[in-house]
Amino acid sequence: MRRLGSVSAAGLAAALAVAAPPAAAGEIRVTVSVLTPEKKTVPGAGAVVWVVDPAAAKAAAATARPKIASKSKRFDPHVAVVPEGGTVQFPNLDGIYHNVFSLSEKARFDLGLYRNGASRTMTFESPGLVRIYCNIHPQMAAVLVVIDGAIWAQAGADGTAVLANVPEGRATIRAWDEKGGDFTGVVDVPASGPVSVAVSLDGSQWRETSHKNKYGKDYPPPDDDGSRY
């Protein structure tokens, strides 16, 4: 009778790892509501929701190429998302000059003055909020949410965001809304079918504030706008 060769523990573990089926994926439906300064509860439309997974974020960053365009003297989109380590493109689609910059703690940068058709890029290494402005046009403001994860979504008009293909098991989720601030929670994700999470954010203390230019000074008066680039 032929004897079977022995298999080392390491070899057996490697064989089982190859043969093991991939983890099942579920779905998290997050509904965000925000308490406004007028003490009304409204859907958190546009809120960003994601699954915390730093390792996955770094892998996703290699292919992430979101854009924040300068268009009609506005940033489009107003809120953008990129995994930590990802690079964002800043194209100028206007027939005028723009100067994109940020003084945020997580990423201070100045892309300089550039014309229509040109584009600049910036890589964001640390998760957090980056508030972005134009040094020429004070009405231009955007928020970049640098996330420590790879699965994310923005809430629709009804405040609901769907996180798809989430591995089965316990997951940490985060949510951010421009007026309501942050939320962090834990959810058990089933092997199949959705699980629902309700997130209530308090934006009652939110107030719109002005910002300085990249030199920390006030912008010229609005009636000077026609003489700018």
C-alpha atoms as a PDB file:
ATOM      1  CA  MET A   1       0.000   0.000   0.000  1.00  0.00           C
ATOM      2  CA  ARG A   2       1.322   3.416  -0.973  1.00  0.00           C
ATOM      3  CA  ARG A   3       1.842   5.771   1.947  1.00  0.00           C
ATOM      4  CA  LEU A   4       0.793   9.432   1.705  1.00  0.00           C
ATOM      5  CA  GLY A   5       3.532  11.967   2.256  1.00  0.00           C
ATOM      6  CA  SER A   6       3.400  14.085   5.363  1.00  0.00           C
ATOM      7  CA  VAL A   7       2.138  17.700   5.202  1.00  0.00           C
ATOM      8  CA  SER A   8       3.608  20.386   7.421  1.00  0.00           C
ATOM      9  CA  ALA A   9       1.343  22.599   9.526  1.00  0.00           C
ATOM     10  CA  ALA A  10       2.357  25.636   7.465  1.00  0.00           C
ATOM     11  CA  GLY A  11       1.601  23.809   4.229  1.00  0.00           C
ATOM     12  CA  LEU A  12      -1.791  22.675   5.481  1.00  0.00           C
ATOM     13  CA  ALA A  13      -2.673  26.232   6.562  1.00  0.00           C
ATOM     14  CA  ALA A  14      -1.687  27.562   3.154  1.00  0.00           C
ATOM     15  CA  ALA A  15      -3.782  24.923   1.387  1.00  0.00           C
ATOM     16  CA  LEU A  16      -6.820  25.698   3.527  1.00  0.00           C
ATOM     17  CA  ALA A  17      -6.391  29.428   2.902  1.00  0.00           C
ATOM     18  CA  VAL A  18      -6.458  28.848  -0.855  1.00  0.00           C
ATOM     19  CA  ALA A  19      -9.447  26.529  -0.648  1.00  0.00           C
ATOM     20  CA  ALA A  20     -11.477  28.704   1.737  1.00  0.00           C
ATOM     21  CA  PRO A  21     -14.382  30.543   0.074  1.00  0.00           C
ATOM     22  CA  PRO A  22     -14.306  34.354   0.117  1.00  0.00           C
ATOM     23  CA  ALA A  23     -16.123  36.083   2.956  1.00  0.00           C
ATOM     24  CA  ALA A  24     -19.755  36.744   2.219  1.00  0.00           C
ATOM     25  CA  ALA A  25     -20.797  40.355   1.620  1.00  0.00           C
ATOM     26  CA  GLY A  26     -23.782  42.202   2.982  1.00  0.00           C
ATOM     27  CA  GLU A  27     -25.333  45.652   2.713  1.00  0.00           C
ATOM     28  CA  ILE A  28     -25.692  48.490   5.206  1.00  0.00           C
ATOM     29  CA  ARG A  29     -28.487  51.006   4.626  1.00  0.00           C
ATOM     30  CA  VAL A  30     -27.731  54.140   6.634  1.00  0.00           C
ATOM     31  CA  THR A  31     -30.419  56.803   7.013  1.00  0.00           C
ATOM     32  CA  VAL A  32     -29.061  60.149   8.195  1.00  0.00           C
ATOM     33  CA  SER A  33     -31.179  62.897   9.731  1.00  0.00           C
ATOM     34  CA  VAL A  34     -29.963  66.328  10.845  1.00  0.00           C
ATOM     35  CA  LEU A  35     -31.379  68.724  13.416  1.00  0.00           C
ATOM     36  CA  THR A  36     -31.162  72.203  11.855  1.00  0.00           C
ATOM     37  CA  PRO A  37     -30.505  75.560  13.568  1.00  0.00           C
ATOM     38  CA  GLU A  38     -34.266  76.129  13.237  1.00  0.00           C
ATOM     39  CA  LYS A  39     -34.816  72.993  15.374  1.00  0.00           C
ATOM     40  CA  LYS A  40     -36.276  71.042  12.466  1.00  0.00           C
ATOM     41  CA  THR A  41     -35.215  67.482  11.635  1.00  0.00           C
ATOM     42  CA  VAL A  42     -34.450  67.056   7.934  1.00  0.00           C
ATOM     43  CA  PRO A  43     -32.870  64.294   5.809  1.00  0.00           C
ATOM     44  CA  GLY A  44     -29.081  64.439   5.720  1.00  0.00           C
ATOM     45  CA  ALA A  45     -28.888  64.750   1.945  1.00  0.00           C
ATOM     46  CA  GLY A  46     -25.293  64.572   0.754  1.00  0.00           C
ATOM     47  CA  ALA A  47     -23.946  63.154   4.018  1.00  0.00           C
ATOM     48  CA  VAL A  48     -20.881  60.922   3.545  1.00  0.00           C
ATOM     49  CA  VAL A  49     -20.998  57.434   5.090  1.00  0.00           C
ATOM     50  CA  TRP A  50     -18.225  54.842   5.014  1.00  0.00           C
ATOM     51  CA  VAL A  51     -16.921  51.573   6.496  1.00  0.00           C
ATOM     52  CA  VAL A  52     -13.721  52.055   8.480  1.00  0.00           C
ATOM     53  CA  ASP A  53     -10.941  49.868   7.040  1.00  0.00           C
ATOM     54  CA  PRO A  54      -7.539  51.599   6.791  1.00  0.00           C
ATOM     55  CA  ALA A  55      -5.899  48.686   4.982  1.00  0.00           C
ATOM     56  CA  ALA A  56      -8.576  48.697   2.299  1.00  0.00           C
ATOM     57  CA  ALA A  57      -8.301  52.484   2.007  1.00  0.00           C
ATOM     58  CA  LYS A  58      -4.616  52.291   1.156  1.00  0.00           C
ATOM     59  CA  ALA A  59      -5.302  49.668  -1.508  1.00  0.00           C
ATOM     60  CA  ALA A  60      -8.160  51.703  -3.007  1.00  0.00           C
ATOM     61  CA  ALA A  61      -6.072  54.875  -3.046  1.00  0.00           C
ATOM     62  CA  ALA A  62      -3.936  53.506  -5.872  1.00  0.00           C
ATOM     63  CA  THR A  63      -6.819  53.736  -8.349  1.00  0.00           C
ATOM     64  CA  ALA A  64      -8.911  56.554  -6.842  1.00  0.00           C
ATOM     65  CA  ARG A  65      -8.862  59.702  -9.015  1.00  0.00           C
ATOM     66  CA  PRO A  66     -11.745  61.960  -7.952  1.00  0.00           C
ATOM     67  CA  LYS A  67     -12.060  65.461  -9.356  1.00  0.00           C
ATOM     68  CA  ILE A  68     -12.995  68.810  -7.860  1.00  0.00           C
ATOM     69  CA  ALA A  69     -13.435  71.139 -10.815  1.00  0.00           C
ATOM     70  CA  SER A  70     -13.483  74.942 -10.858  1.00  0.00           C
ATOM     71  CA  LYS A  71     -16.615  75.709 -12.880  1.00  0.00           C
ATOM     72  CA  SER A  72     -18.709  78.887 -13.115  1.00  0.00           C
ATOM     73  CA  LYS A  73     -16.750  80.296 -10.156  1.00  0.00           C
ATOM     74  CA  ARG A  74     -17.835  77.337  -8.025  1.00  0.00           C
ATOM     75  CA  PHE A  75     -16.291  74.016  -7.028  1.00  0.00           C
ATOM     76  CA  ASP A  76     -17.983  70.977  -8.531  1.00  0.00           C
ATOM     77  CA  PRO A  77     -18.743  68.913  -6.520  1.00  0.00           C
ATOM     78  CA  HIS A  78     -19.008  70.876  -3.291  1.00  0.00           C
ATOM     79  CA  VAL A  79     -18.310  67.706  -1.265  1.00  0.00           C
ATOM     80  CA  ALA A  80     -15.903  65.055  -2.545  1.00  0.00           C
ATOM     81  CA  VAL A  81     -14.453  61.853  -1.087  1.00  0.00           C
ATOM     82  CA  VAL A  82     -11.079  60.138  -1.468  1.00  0.00           C
ATOM     83  CA  PRO A  83      -9.452  57.226   0.429  1.00  0.00           C
ATOM     84  CA  GLU A  84      -6.380  58.220   2.441  1.00  0.00           C
ATOM     85  CA  GLY A  85      -3.328  58.183   0.222  1.00  0.00           C
ATOM     86  CA  GLY A  86      -5.443  58.997  -2.834  1.00  0.00           C
ATOM     87  CA  THR A  87      -4.843  61.772  -5.365  1.00  0.00           C
ATOM     88  CA  VAL A  88      -7.431  64.385  -6.333  1.00  0.00           C
ATOM     89  CA  GLN A  89      -7.478  66.278  -9.625  1.00  0.00           C
ATOM     90  CA  PHE A  90      -8.369  69.985  -9.685  1.00  0.00           C
ATOM     91  CA  PRO A  91      -9.156  70.958 -13.304  1.00  0.00           C
ATOM     92  CA  ASN A  92      -9.989  74.553 -14.238  1.00  0.00           C
ATOM     93  CA  LEU A  93     -13.045  74.527 -16.537  1.00  0.00           C
ATOM     94  CA  ASP A  94     -13.576  78.289 -16.420  1.00  0.00           C
ATOM     95  CA  GLY A  95     -12.303  80.826 -18.946  1.00  0.00           C
ATOM     96  CA  ILE A  96     -10.497  82.617 -16.108  1.00  0.00           C
ATOM     97  CA  TYR A  97      -7.699  81.920 -13.666  1.00  0.00           C
ATOM     98  CA  HIS A  98      -8.129  80.128 -10.337  1.00  0.00           C
ATOM     99  CA  ASN A  99      -5.853  79.502  -7.370  1.00  0.00           C
ATOM    100  CA  VAL A 100      -6.958  76.472  -5.320  1.00  0.00           C
ATOM    101  CA  PHE A 101      -5.616  76.254  -1.768  1.00  0.00           C
ATOM    102  CA  SER A 102      -6.283  74.927   1.740  1.00  0.00           C
ATOM    103  CA  LEU A 103      -5.076  75.887   5.188  1.00  0.00           C
ATOM    104  CA  SER A 104      -6.589  72.772   6.785  1.00  0.00           C
ATOM    105  CA  GLU A 105      -4.632  70.980   9.495  1.00  0.00           C
ATOM    106  CA  LYS A 106      -4.806  67.665   7.624  1.00  0.00           C
ATOM    107  CA  ALA A 107      -3.475  69.089   4.363  1.00  0.00           C
ATOM    108  CA  ARG A 108      -2.079  72.573   3.766  1.00  0.00           C
ATOM    109  CA  PHE A 109      -1.418  73.255   0.098  1.00  0.00           C
ATOM    110  CA  ASP A 110      -1.389  75.951  -2.569  1.00  0.00           C
ATOM    111  CA  LEU A 111      -1.781  74.906  -6.214  1.00  0.00           C
ATOM    112  CA  GLY A 112      -0.872  78.351  -7.526  1.00  0.00           C
ATOM    113  CA  LEU A 113      -2.487  80.324 -10.326  1.00  0.00           C
ATOM    114  CA  TYR A 114      -3.569  78.323 -13.395  1.00  0.00           C
ATOM    115  CA  ARG A 115      -5.655  78.972 -16.485  1.00  0.00           C
ATOM    116  CA  ASN A 116      -8.586  77.365 -18.311  1.00  0.00           C
ATOM    117  CA  GLY A 117      -7.870  73.810 -19.456  1.00  0.00           C
ATOM    118  CA  ALA A 118      -5.073  73.295 -16.954  1.00  0.00           C
ATOM    119  CA  SER A 119      -5.285  70.943 -13.997  1.00  0.00           C
ATOM    120  CA  ARG A 120      -3.380  70.384 -10.783  1.00  0.00           C
ATOM    121  CA  THR A 121      -3.226  67.340  -8.479  1.00  0.00           C
ATOM    122  CA  MET A 122      -2.775  66.823  -4.762  1.00  0.00           C
ATOM    123  CA  THR A 123      -2.274  63.605  -2.767  1.00  0.00           C
ATOM    124  CA  PHE A 124      -3.931  63.370   0.655  1.00  0.00           C
ATOM    125  CA  GLU A 125      -2.161  61.094   3.127  1.00  0.00           C
ATOM    126  CA  SER A 126      -4.142  61.638   6.347  1.00  0.00           C
ATOM    127  CA  PRO A 127      -7.851  60.968   6.948  1.00  0.00           C
ATOM    128  CA  GLY A 128      -9.987  63.926   7.963  1.00  0.00           C
ATOM    129  CA  LEU A 129     -11.667  67.030   6.552  1.00  0.00           C
ATOM    130  CA  VAL A 130      -9.909  69.329   4.108  1.00  0.00           C
ATOM    131  CA  ARG A 131     -11.635  72.657   3.424  1.00  0.00           C
ATOM    132  CA  ILE A 132     -10.725  73.992   0.001  1.00  0.00           C
ATOM    133  CA  TYR A 133     -10.995  77.536  -1.369  1.00  0.00           C
ATOM    134  CA  CYS A 134      -9.920  79.731  -4.281  1.00  0.00           C
ATOM    135  CA  ASN A 135      -7.615  82.627  -3.452  1.00  0.00           C
ATOM    136  CA  ILE A 136      -9.319  84.821  -6.077  1.00  0.00           C
ATOM    137  CA  HIS A 137     -13.026  84.076  -5.647  1.00  0.00           C
ATOM    138  CA  PRO A 138     -14.296  83.974  -2.021  1.00  0.00           C
ATOM    139  CA  GLN A 139     -17.583  82.281  -2.957  1.00  0.00           C
ATOM    140  CA  MET A 140     -15.688  79.161  -4.008  1.00  0.00           C
ATOM    141  CA  ALA A 141     -15.616  76.611  -1.180  1.00  0.00           C
ATOM    142  CA  ALA A 142     -15.514  72.814  -1.108  1.00  0.00           C
ATOM    143  CA  VAL A 143     -14.956  70.052   1.432  1.00  0.00           C
ATOM    144  CA  LEU A 144     -12.847  66.972   0.750  1.00  0.00           C
ATOM    145  CA  VAL A 145     -13.541  64.051   3.087  1.00  0.00           C
ATOM    146  CA  VAL A 146     -10.411  61.881   3.246  1.00  0.00           C
ATOM    147  CA  ILE A 147     -11.694  58.544   4.551  1.00  0.00           C
ATOM    148  CA  ASP A 148      -9.985  55.623   6.315  1.00  0.00           C
ATOM    149  CA  GLY A 149     -11.913  53.101   4.249  1.00  0.00           C
ATOM    150  CA  ALA A 150     -12.748  51.982   0.717  1.00  0.00           C
ATOM    151  CA  ILE A 151     -16.531  51.375   0.897  1.00  0.00           C
ATOM    152  CA  TRP A 152     -18.459  54.636   1.002  1.00  0.00           C
ATOM    153  CA  ALA A 153     -21.562  56.401  -0.281  1.00  0.00           C
ATOM    154  CA  GLN A 154     -23.269  59.771  -0.170  1.00  0.00           C
ATOM    155  CA  ALA A 155     -26.833  60.024   1.060  1.00  0.00           C
ATOM    156  CA  GLY A 156     -29.540  60.840  -1.439  1.00  0.00           C
ATOM    157  CA  ALA A 157     -32.322  63.394  -1.068  1.00  0.00           C
ATOM    158  CA  ASP A 158     -34.040  61.155   1.491  1.00  0.00           C
ATOM    159  CA  GLY A 159     -30.886  60.964   3.634  1.00  0.00           C
ATOM    160  CA  THR A 160     -30.225  57.299   2.826  1.00  0.00           C
ATOM    161  CA  ALA A 161     -26.798  55.964   1.830  1.00  0.00           C
ATOM    162  CA  VAL A 162     -26.250  52.336   0.805  1.00  0.00           C
ATOM    163  CA  LEU A 163     -22.935  50.664   1.622  1.00  0.00           C
ATOM    164  CA  ALA A 164     -22.708  47.628  -0.665  1.00  0.00           C
ATOM    165  CA  ASN A 165     -20.466  44.544  -0.609  1.00  0.00           C
ATOM    166  CA  VAL A 166     -19.547  44.869   3.057  1.00  0.00           C
ATOM    167  CA  PRO A 167     -17.875  41.707   4.445  1.00  0.00           C
ATOM    168  CA  GLU A 168     -19.964  39.719   6.908  1.00  0.00           C
ATOM    169  CA  GLY A 169     -19.245  40.420  10.556  1.00  0.00           C
ATOM    170  CA  ARG A 170     -18.857  43.427  12.794  1.00  0.00           C
ATOM    171  CA  ALA A 171     -18.106  46.690  11.003  1.00  0.00           C
ATOM    172  CA  THR A 172     -17.365  50.190  12.202  1.00  0.00           C
ATOM    173  CA  ILE A 173     -19.136  52.863  10.203  1.00  0.00           C
ATOM    174  CA  ARG A 174     -18.671  56.607  10.174  1.00  0.00           C
ATOM    175  CA  ALA A 175     -20.872  59.402   8.876  1.00  0.00           C
ATOM    176  CA  TRP A 176     -20.220  63.084   8.271  1.00  0.00           C
ATOM    177  CA  ASP A 177     -22.570  65.921   7.366  1.00  0.00           C
ATOM    178  CA  GLU A 178     -21.502  69.507   6.738  1.00  0.00           C
ATOM    179  CA  LYS A 179     -23.965  70.883   9.275  1.00  0.00           C
ATOM    180  CA  GLY A 180     -24.440  67.886  11.569  1.00  0.00           C
ATOM    181  CA  GLY A 181     -20.835  66.844  12.096  1.00  0.00           C
ATOM    182  CA  ASP A 182     -19.581  63.304  12.773  1.00  0.00           C
ATOM    183  CA  PHE A 183     -20.935  59.931  13.848  1.00  0.00           C
ATOM    184  CA  THR A 184     -19.165  56.652  14.621  1.00  0.00           C
ATOM    185  CA  GLY A 185     -20.953  53.392  15.335  1.00  0.00           C
ATOM    186  CA  VAL A 186     -20.680  49.605  15.096  1.00  0.00           C
ATOM    187  CA  VAL A 187     -23.029  47.318  13.176  1.00  0.00           C
ATOM    188  CA  ASP A 188     -23.241  43.542  12.697  1.00  0.00           C
ATOM    189  CA  VAL A 189     -23.397  42.814   8.970  1.00  0.00           C
ATOM    190  CA  PRO A 190     -25.320  39.665   7.959  1.00  0.00           C
ATOM    191  CA  ALA A 191     -24.126  37.278   5.273  1.00  0.00           C
ATOM    192  CA  SER A 192     -26.960  38.357   2.993  1.00  0.00           C
ATOM    193  CA  GLY A 193     -29.673  40.955   2.967  1.00  0.00           C
ATOM    194  CA  PRO A 194     -29.485  44.529   4.215  1.00  0.00           C
ATOM    195  CA  VAL A 195     -29.144  45.806   7.739  1.00  0.00           C
ATOM    196  CA  SER A 196     -30.531  49.262   8.544  1.00  0.00           C
ATOM    197  CA  VAL A 197     -28.923  51.941  10.706  1.00  0.00           C
ATOM    198  CA  ALA A 198     -30.464  55.291  11.704  1.00  0.00           C
ATOM    199  CA  VAL A 199     -28.044  58.151  12.380  1.00  0.00           C
ATOM    200  CA  SER A 200     -29.197  61.380  14.014  1.00  0.00           C
ATOM    201  CA  LEU A 201     -26.843  64.361  13.862  1.00  0.00           C
ATOM    202  CA  ASP A 202     -27.165  67.640  15.724  1.00  0.00           C
ATOM    203  CA  GLY A 203     -26.619  70.614  13.444  1.00  0.00           C
ATOM    204  CA  SER A 204     -28.488  73.080  15.647  1.00  0.00           C
ATOM    205  CA  GLN A 205     -25.298  75.017  16.421  1.00  0.00           C
ATOM    206  CA  TRP A 206     -24.143  75.265  12.800  1.00  0.00           C
ATOM    207  CA  ARG A 207     -23.536  78.744  11.467  1.00  0.00           C
ATOM    208  CA  GLU A 208     -22.188  79.773   8.087  1.00  0.00           C
ATOM    209  CA  THR A 209     -18.829  81.491   8.476  1.00  0.00           C
ATOM    210  CA  SER A 210     -16.565  83.446   6.149  1.00  0.00           C
ATOM    211  CA  HIS A 211     -12.972  82.502   5.426  1.00  0.00           C
ATOM    212  CA  LYS A 212      -9.721  84.332   4.737  1.00  0.00           C
ATOM    213  CA  ASN A 213      -7.552  84.097   1.650  1.00  0.00           C
ATOM    214  CA  LYS A 214      -4.354  82.037   1.599  1.00  0.00           C
ATOM    215  CA  TYR A 215      -2.454  84.876   3.273  1.00  0.00           C
ATOM    216  CA  GLY A 216      -4.908  84.997   6.175  1.00  0.00           C
ATOM    217  CA  LYS A 217      -6.370  88.311   4.987  1.00  0.00           C
ATOM    218  CA  ASP A 218      -9.845  89.433   3.907  1.00  0.00           C
ATOM    219  CA  TYR A 219     -10.826  89.192   0.241  1.00  0.00           C
ATOM    220  CA  PRO A 220     -11.366  92.408  -1.756  1.00  0.00           C
ATOM    221  CA  PRO A 221     -14.949  93.776  -1.698  1.00  0.00           C
ATOM    222  CA  PRO A 222     -17.467  91.878  -3.879  1.00  0.00           C
ATOM    223  CA  ASP A 223     -17.810  94.805  -6.291  1.00  0.00           C
ATOM    224  CA  ASP A 224     -14.164  94.287  -7.264  1.00  0.00           C
ATOM    225  CA  ASP A 225     -14.940  90.818  -8.624  1.00  0.00           C
ATOM    226  CA  GLY A 226     -15.254  92.018 -12.198  1.00  0.00           C
ATOM    227  CA  SER A 227     -11.669  93.229 -12.207  1.00  0.00           C
ATOM    228  CA  ARG A 228     -10.246  89.911 -11.062  1.00  0.00           C
ATOM    229  CA  TYR A 229      -8.890  87.166 -13.295  1.00  0.00           C
END
